[in-house]
PDB file of all heavy atoms in Angstrom:
ATOM      1  N   GLY A   1     309.412 198.877 152.452  1.00  0.00           N
ATOM      2  CA  GLY A   1     309.208 197.600 153.136  1.00  0.00           C
ATOM      3  C   GLY A   1     310.148 196.525 152.630  1.00  0.00           C
ATOM      4  O   GLY A   1     310.720 195.753 153.408  1.00  0.00           O
ATOM      5  N   ALA A   2     310.308 196.435 151.285  1.00  0.00           N
ATOM      6  CA  ALA A   2     311.198 195.422 150.709  1.00  0.00           C
ATOM      7  C   ALA A   2     312.627 195.609 151.169  1.00  0.00           C
ATOM      8  O   ALA A   2     313.363 194.642 151.385  1.00  0.00           O
ATOM      9  CB  ALA A   2     311.104 195.478 149.186  1.00  0.00           C
ATOM     10  N   LYS A   3     313.040 196.874 151.337  1.00  0.00           N
ATOM     11  CA  LYS A   3     314.424 197.154 151.682  1.00  0.00           C
ATOM     12  C   LYS A   3     314.696 197.056 153.176  1.00  0.00           C
ATOM     13  O   LYS A   3     315.766 196.568 153.597  1.00  0.00           O
ATOM     14  CB  LYS A   3     314.796 198.549 151.173  1.00  0.00           C
ATOM     15  CG  LYS A   3     316.277 198.870 151.327  1.00  0.00           C
ATOM     16  CD  LYS A   3     316.647 200.151 150.610  1.00  0.00           C
ATOM     17  CE  LYS A   3     318.148 200.403 150.712  1.00  0.00           C
ATOM     18  NZ  LYS A   3     318.549 201.641 150.011  1.00  0.00           N
ATOM     19  N   TYR A   4     313.731 197.480 154.002  1.00  0.00           N
ATOM     20  CA  TYR A   4     314.035 197.652 155.427  1.00  0.00           C
ATOM     21  C   TYR A   4     313.293 196.713 156.381  1.00  0.00           C
ATOM     22  O   TYR A   4     313.720 196.564 157.520  1.00  0.00           O
ATOM     23  CB  TYR A   4     313.758 199.099 155.850  1.00  0.00           C
ATOM     24  CG  TYR A   4     314.664 200.101 155.183  1.00  0.00           C
ATOM     25  CD1 TYR A   4     314.166 200.963 154.202  1.00  0.00           C
ATOM     26  CD2 TYR A   4     316.012 200.178 155.502  1.00  0.00           C
ATOM     27  CE1 TYR A   4     314.993 201.887 153.567  1.00  0.00           C
ATOM     28  CE2 TYR A   4     316.850 201.099 154.884  1.00  0.00           C
ATOM     29  CZ  TYR A   4     316.330 201.942 153.917  1.00  0.00           C
ATOM     30  OH  TYR A   4     317.154 202.846 153.305  1.00  0.00           O
ATOM     31  N   LEU A   5     312.197 196.114 155.949  1.00  0.00           N
ATOM     32  CA  LEU A   5     311.508 195.194 156.856  1.00  0.00           C
ATOM     33  C   LEU A   5     312.313 193.900 156.964  1.00  0.00           C
ATOM     34  O   LEU A   5     312.631 193.285 155.942  1.00  0.00           O
ATOM     35  CB  LEU A   5     310.092 194.888 156.357  1.00  0.00           C
ATOM     36  CG  LEU A   5     309.021 195.954 156.610  1.00  0.00           C
ATOM     37  CD1 LEU A   5     307.708 195.535 155.970  1.00  0.00           C
ATOM     38  CD2 LEU A   5     308.828 196.207 158.098  1.00  0.00           C
ATOM     39  N   PRO A   6     312.623 193.460 158.172  1.00  0.00           N
ATOM     40  CA  PRO A   6     313.387 192.215 158.313  1.00  0.00           C
ATOM     41  C   PRO A   6     312.498 190.993 158.115  1.00  0.00           C
ATOM     42  O   PRO A   6     311.275 191.082 158.208  1.00  0.00           O
ATOM     43  CB  PRO A   6     313.895 192.289 159.762  1.00  0.00           C
ATOM     44  CG  PRO A   6     312.846 193.076 160.476  1.00  0.00           C
ATOM     45  CD  PRO A   6     312.328 194.083 159.479  1.00  0.00           C
ATOM     46  N   LYS A   7     313.127 189.874 157.841  1.00  0.00           N
ATOM     47  CA  LYS A   7     312.392 188.615 157.765  1.00  0.00           C
ATOM     48  C   LYS A   7     312.289 188.017 159.163  1.00  0.00           C
ATOM     49  O   LYS A   7     313.285 187.924 159.874  1.00  0.00           O
ATOM     50  CB  LYS A   7     313.088 187.638 156.818  1.00  0.00           C
ATOM     51  CG  LYS A   7     312.975 188.025 155.357  1.00  0.00           C
ATOM     52  CD  LYS A   7     313.524 186.923 154.462  1.00  0.00           C
ATOM     53  CE  LYS A   7     313.344 187.288 152.994  1.00  0.00           C
ATOM     54  NZ  LYS A   7     313.870 186.231 152.099  1.00  0.00           N
ATOM     55  N   PHE A   8     311.084 187.625 159.526  1.00  0.00           N
ATOM     56  CA  PHE A   8     310.847 187.023 160.829  1.00  0.00           C
ATOM     57  C   PHE A   8     310.785 185.508 160.674  1.00  0.00           C
ATOM     58  O   PHE A   8     310.357 185.004 159.630  1.00  0.00           O
ATOM     59  CB  PHE A   8     309.524 187.524 161.426  1.00  0.00           C
ATOM     60  CG  PHE A   8     309.514 188.993 161.739  1.00  0.00           C
ATOM     61  CD1 PHE A   8     309.130 189.923 160.785  1.00  0.00           C
ATOM     62  CD2 PHE A   8     309.881 189.452 162.995  1.00  0.00           C
ATOM     63  CE1 PHE A   8     309.107 191.271 161.066  1.00  0.00           C
ATOM     64  CE2 PHE A   8     309.870 190.804 163.291  1.00  0.00           C
ATOM     65  CZ  PHE A   8     309.487 191.714 162.326  1.00  0.00           C
ATOM     66  N   PRO A   9     311.182 184.778 161.711  1.00  0.00           N
ATOM     67  CA  PRO A   9     311.004 183.323 161.645  1.00  0.00           C
ATOM     68  C   PRO A   9     309.520 182.966 161.588  1.00  0.00           C
ATOM     69  O   PRO A   9     308.708 183.567 162.286  1.00  0.00           O
ATOM     70  CB  PRO A   9     311.641 182.836 162.961  1.00  0.00           C
ATOM     71  CG  PRO A   9     311.665 184.029 163.856  1.00  0.00           C
ATOM     72  CD  PRO A   9     311.821 185.212 162.968  1.00  0.00           C
ATOM     73  N   GLN A  10     309.190 182.032 160.708  1.00  0.00           N
ATOM     74  CA  GLN A  10     307.794 181.630 160.549  1.00  0.00           C
ATOM     75  C   GLN A  10     307.386 180.691 161.671  1.00  0.00           C
ATOM     76  O   GLN A  10     308.133 179.779 162.043  1.00  0.00           O
ATOM     77  CB  GLN A  10     307.586 180.964 159.190  1.00  0.00           C
ATOM     78  CG  GLN A  10     307.751 181.922 158.019  1.00  0.00           C
ATOM     79  CD  GLN A  10     307.629 181.226 156.684  1.00  0.00           C
ATOM     80  OE1 GLN A  10     308.295 181.585 155.729  1.00  0.00           O
ATOM     81  NE2 GLN A  10     306.773 180.219 156.614  1.00  0.00           N
ATOM     82  N   GLY A  11     306.182 180.935 162.198  1.00  0.00           N
ATOM     83  CA  GLY A  11     305.642 180.056 163.219  1.00  0.00           C
ATOM     84  C   GLY A  11     304.926 178.874 162.587  1.00  0.00           C
ATOM     85  O   GLY A  11     304.777 178.791 161.365  1.00  0.00           O
ATOM     86  N   LYS A  12     304.510 177.968 163.433  1.00  0.00           N
ATOM     87  CA  LYS A  12     303.744 176.818 162.939  1.00  0.00           C
ATOM     88  C   LYS A  12     302.287 177.227 162.850  1.00  0.00           C
ATOM     89  O   LYS A  12     301.660 177.531 163.865  1.00  0.00           O
ATOM     90  CB  LYS A  12     303.908 175.625 163.883  1.00  0.00           C
ATOM     91  CG  LYS A  12     303.218 174.374 163.360  1.00  0.00           C
ATOM     92  CD  LYS A  12     303.422 173.197 164.302  1.00  0.00           C
ATOM     93  CE  LYS A  12     302.721 171.951 163.760  1.00  0.00           C
ATOM     94  NZ  LYS A  12     302.870 170.795 164.665  1.00  0.00           N
ATOM     95  N   PRO A  13     301.722 177.283 161.642  1.00  0.00           N
ATOM     96  CA  PRO A  13     300.343 177.767 161.514  1.00  0.00           C
ATOM     97  C   PRO A  13     299.353 176.779 162.116  1.00  0.00           C
ATOM     98  O   PRO A  13     299.517 175.559 161.976  1.00  0.00           O
ATOM     99  CB  PRO A  13     300.144 177.889 159.998  1.00  0.00           C
ATOM    100  CG  PRO A  13     301.124 176.933 159.417  1.00  0.00           C
ATOM    101  CD  PRO A  13     302.299 176.913 160.349  1.00  0.00           C
ATOM    102  N   PRO A  14     298.313 177.278 162.780  1.00  0.00           N
ATOM    103  CA  PRO A  14     297.272 176.384 163.289  1.00  0.00           C
ATOM    104  C   PRO A  14     296.426 175.845 162.140  1.00  0.00           C
ATOM    105  O   PRO A  14     296.540 176.306 160.995  1.00  0.00           O
ATOM    106  CB  PRO A  14     296.446 177.305 164.196  1.00  0.00           C
ATOM    107  CG  PRO A  14     296.644 178.677 163.625  1.00  0.00           C
ATOM    108  CD  PRO A  14     298.040 178.690 163.085  1.00  0.00           C
ATOM    109  N   ALA A  15     295.601 174.879 162.452  1.00  0.00           N
ATOM    110  CA  ALA A  15     294.702 174.326 161.428  1.00  0.00           C
ATOM    111  C   ALA A  15     293.745 175.418 160.963  1.00  0.00           C
ATOM    112  O   ALA A  15     293.186 176.155 161.774  1.00  0.00           O
ATOM    113  CB  ALA A  15     293.923 173.149 162.021  1.00  0.00           C
ATOM    114  N   LEU A  16     293.574 175.545 159.664  1.00  0.00           N
ATOM    115  CA  LEU A  16     292.737 176.598 159.107  1.00  0.00           C
ATOM    116  C   LEU A  16     291.266 176.195 159.180  1.00  0.00           C
ATOM    117  O   LEU A  16     290.885 175.097 158.770  1.00  0.00           O
ATOM    118  CB  LEU A  16     293.129 176.879 157.661  1.00  0.00           C
ATOM    119  CG  LEU A  16     292.422 178.057 156.986  1.00  0.00           C
ATOM    120  CD1 LEU A  16     292.677 179.341 157.753  1.00  0.00           C
ATOM    121  CD2 LEU A  16     292.876 178.193 155.541  1.00  0.00           C
ATOM    122  N   ASP A  17     290.452 177.089 159.704  1.00  0.00           N
ATOM    123  CA  ASP A  17     289.015 176.856 159.859  1.00  0.00           C
ATOM    124  C   ASP A  17     288.320 177.187 158.534  1.00  0.00           C
ATOM    125  O   ASP A  17     287.783 178.279 158.357  1.00  0.00           O
ATOM    126  CB  ASP A  17     288.497 177.731 161.014  1.00  0.00           C
ATOM    127  CG  ASP A  17     287.001 177.581 161.246  1.00  0.00           C
ATOM    128  OD1 ASP A  17     286.400 176.660 160.661  1.00  0.00           O
ATOM    129  OD2 ASP A  17     286.449 178.400 162.003  1.00  0.00           O
ATOM    130  N   MET A  18     288.337 176.230 157.605  1.00  0.00           N
ATOM    131  CA  MET A  18     287.809 176.465 156.264  1.00  0.00           C
ATOM    132  C   MET A  18     286.296 176.715 156.282  1.00  0.00           C
ATOM    133  O   MET A  18     285.790 177.586 155.574  1.00  0.00           O
ATOM    134  CB  MET A  18     288.125 175.275 155.351  1.00  0.00           C
ATOM    135  CG  MET A  18     289.584 175.191 154.930  1.00  0.00           C
ATOM    136  SD  MET A  18     290.116 176.623 153.951  1.00  0.00           S
ATOM    137  CE  MET A  18     289.025 176.498 152.539  1.00  0.00           C
ATOM    138  N   ILE A  19     285.567 175.938 157.097  1.00  0.00           N
ATOM    139  CA  ILE A  19     284.103 176.102 157.127  1.00  0.00           C
ATOM    140  C   ILE A  19     283.746 177.490 157.657  1.00  0.00           C
ATOM    141  O   ILE A  19     282.853 178.167 157.134  1.00  0.00           O
ATOM    142  CB  ILE A  19     283.459 174.994 157.988  1.00  0.00           C
ATOM    143  CG1 ILE A  19     283.764 173.618 157.389  1.00  0.00           C
ATOM    144  CG2 ILE A  19     281.949 175.205 158.091  1.00  0.00           C
ATOM    145  CD1 ILE A  19     283.217 172.459 158.195  1.00  0.00           C
ATOM    146  N   GLY A  20     284.468 177.931 158.692  1.00  0.00           N
ATOM    147  CA  GLY A  20     284.231 179.268 159.218  1.00  0.00           C
ATOM    148  C   GLY A  20     284.525 180.347 158.194  1.00  0.00           C
ATOM    149  O   GLY A  20     283.810 181.347 158.085  1.00  0.00           O
ATOM    150  N   MET A  21     285.595 180.136 157.396  1.00  0.00           N
ATOM    151  CA  MET A  21     285.950 181.102 156.348  1.00  0.00           C
ATOM    152  C   MET A  21     284.848 181.234 155.304  1.00  0.00           C
ATOM    153  O   MET A  21     284.631 182.314 154.755  1.00  0.00           O
ATOM    154  CB  MET A  21     287.235 180.661 155.651  1.00  0.00           C
ATOM    155  CG  MET A  21     288.513 181.009 156.378  1.00  0.00           C
ATOM    156  SD  MET A  21     289.949 180.515 155.391  1.00  0.00           S
ATOM    157  CE  MET A  21     289.698 181.501 153.916  1.00  0.00           C
ATOM    158  N   ILE A  22     284.135 180.155 155.029  1.00  0.00           N
ATOM    159  CA  ILE A  22     283.062 180.178 154.025  1.00  0.00           C
ATOM    160  C   ILE A  22     281.797 180.790 154.604  1.00  0.00           C
ATOM    161  O   ILE A  22     281.130 181.621 153.976  1.00  0.00           O
ATOM    162  CB  ILE A  22     282.785 178.752 153.499  1.00  0.00           C
ATOM    163  CG1 ILE A  22     284.016 178.226 152.746  1.00  0.00           C
ATOM    164  CG2 ILE A  22     281.551 178.739 152.601  1.00  0.00           C
ATOM    165  CD1 ILE A  22     283.934 176.754 152.402  1.00  0.00           C
ATOM    166  N   LEU A  23     281.454 180.392 155.837  1.00  0.00           N
ATOM    167  CA  LEU A  23     280.183 180.818 156.429  1.00  0.00           C
ATOM    168  C   LEU A  23     280.177 182.285 156.830  1.00  0.00           C
ATOM    169  O   LEU A  23     279.147 182.964 156.694  1.00  0.00           O
ATOM    170  CB  LEU A  23     279.860 179.952 157.648  1.00  0.00           C
ATOM    171  CG  LEU A  23     279.452 178.507 157.377  1.00  0.00           C
ATOM    172  CD1 LEU A  23     279.317 177.734 158.687  1.00  0.00           C
ATOM    173  CD2 LEU A  23     278.121 178.465 156.614  1.00  0.00           C
ATOM    174  N   ALA A  24     281.303 182.809 157.334  1.00  0.00           N
ATOM    175  CA  ALA A  24     281.318 184.184 157.852  1.00  0.00           C
ATOM    176  C   ALA A  24     280.962 185.225 156.780  1.00  0.00           C
ATOM    177  O   ALA A  24     280.072 186.059 157.002  1.00  0.00           O
ATOM    178  CB  ALA A  24     282.672 184.489 158.490  1.00  0.00           C
ATOM    179  N   PRO A  25     281.616 185.221 155.600  1.00  0.00           N
ATOM    180  CA  PRO A  25     281.232 186.223 154.590  1.00  0.00           C
ATOM    181  C   PRO A  25     279.788 186.087 154.124  1.00  0.00           C
ATOM    182  O   PRO A  25     279.116 187.090 153.878  1.00  0.00           O
ATOM    183  CB  PRO A  25     282.208 185.950 153.433  1.00  0.00           C
ATOM    184  CG  PRO A  25     283.361 185.234 154.053  1.00  0.00           C
ATOM    185  CD  PRO A  25     282.772 184.414 155.162  1.00  0.00           C
ATOM    186  N   ILE A  26     279.305 184.833 154.009  1.00  0.00           N
ATOM    187  CA  ILE A  26     277.913 184.631 153.598  1.00  0.00           C
ATOM    188  C   ILE A  26     276.974 185.244 154.629  1.00  0.00           C
ATOM    189  O   ILE A  26     276.020 185.962 154.291  1.00  0.00           O
ATOM    190  CB  ILE A  26     277.609 183.124 153.408  1.00  0.00           C
ATOM    191  CG1 ILE A  26     278.406 182.553 152.238  1.00  0.00           C
ATOM    192  CG2 ILE A  26     276.113 182.901 153.192  1.00  0.00           C
ATOM    193  CD1 ILE A  26     278.281 181.044 152.085  1.00  0.00           C
ATOM    194  N   ALA A  27     277.249 184.979 155.911  1.00  0.00           N
ATOM    195  CA  ALA A  27     276.376 185.470 156.978  1.00  0.00           C
ATOM    196  C   ALA A  27     276.373 186.995 157.024  1.00  0.00           C
ATOM    197  O   ALA A  27     275.310 187.632 157.001  1.00  0.00           O
ATOM    198  CB  ALA A  27     276.822 184.894 158.321  1.00  0.00           C
ATOM    199  N   PHE A  28     277.549 187.588 157.065  1.00  0.00           N
ATOM    200  CA  PHE A  28     277.636 189.035 157.273  1.00  0.00           C
ATOM    201  C   PHE A  28     277.127 189.814 156.065  1.00  0.00           C
ATOM    202  O   PHE A  28     276.394 190.797 156.214  1.00  0.00           O
ATOM    203  CB  PHE A  28     279.077 189.443 157.593  1.00  0.00           C
ATOM    204  CG  PHE A  28     279.615 188.802 158.847  1.00  0.00           C
ATOM    205  CD1 PHE A  28     280.951 188.454 158.953  1.00  0.00           C
ATOM    206  CD2 PHE A  28     278.781 188.525 159.917  1.00  0.00           C
ATOM    207  CE1 PHE A  28     281.455 187.867 160.104  1.00  0.00           C
ATOM    208  CE2 PHE A  28     279.263 187.939 161.073  1.00  0.00           C
ATOM    209  CZ  PHE A  28     280.605 187.601 161.164  1.00  0.00           C
ATOM    210  N   SER A  29     277.504 189.397 154.849  1.00  0.00           N
ATOM    211  CA  SER A  29     277.071 190.138 153.661  1.00  0.00           C
ATOM    212  C   SER A  29     275.566 189.984 153.437  1.00  0.00           C
ATOM    213  O   SER A  29     274.890 190.944 153.037  1.00  0.00           O
ATOM    214  CB  SER A  29     277.837 189.663 152.425  1.00  0.00           C
ATOM    215  OG  SER A  29     277.662 188.277 152.214  1.00  0.00           O
ATOM    216  N   SER A  30     275.018 188.801 153.700  1.00  0.00           N
ATOM    217  CA  SER A  30     273.573 188.590 153.521  1.00  0.00           C
ATOM    218  C   SER A  30     272.765 189.424 154.503  1.00  0.00           C
ATOM    219  O   SER A  30     271.756 190.036 154.135  1.00  0.00           O
ATOM    220  CB  SER A  30     273.222 187.108 153.685  1.00  0.00           C
ATOM    221  OG  SER A  30     273.845 186.322 152.708  1.00  0.00           O
ATOM    222  N   ILE A  31     273.206 189.457 155.762  1.00  0.00           N
ATOM    223  CA  ILE A  31     272.484 190.253 156.756  1.00  0.00           C
ATOM    224  C   ILE A  31     272.580 191.742 156.426  1.00  0.00           C
ATOM    225  O   ILE A  31     271.593 192.476 156.519  1.00  0.00           O
ATOM    226  CB  ILE A  31     273.018 189.966 158.172  1.00  0.00           C
ATOM    227  CG1 ILE A  31     272.688 188.518 158.570  1.00  0.00           C
ATOM    228  CG2 ILE A  31     272.411 190.927 159.190  1.00  0.00           C
ATOM    229  CD1 ILE A  31     273.279 188.096 159.899  1.00  0.00           C
TER     230      ILE A  31
END
């Protein structure tokens, strides 16, 4: 991968859903 994978132009990242990132693992692992 280091030798042959090309570098791609980076896109503009969307706003990160931090609250969703916290709630999802809590919900799924608890259930």
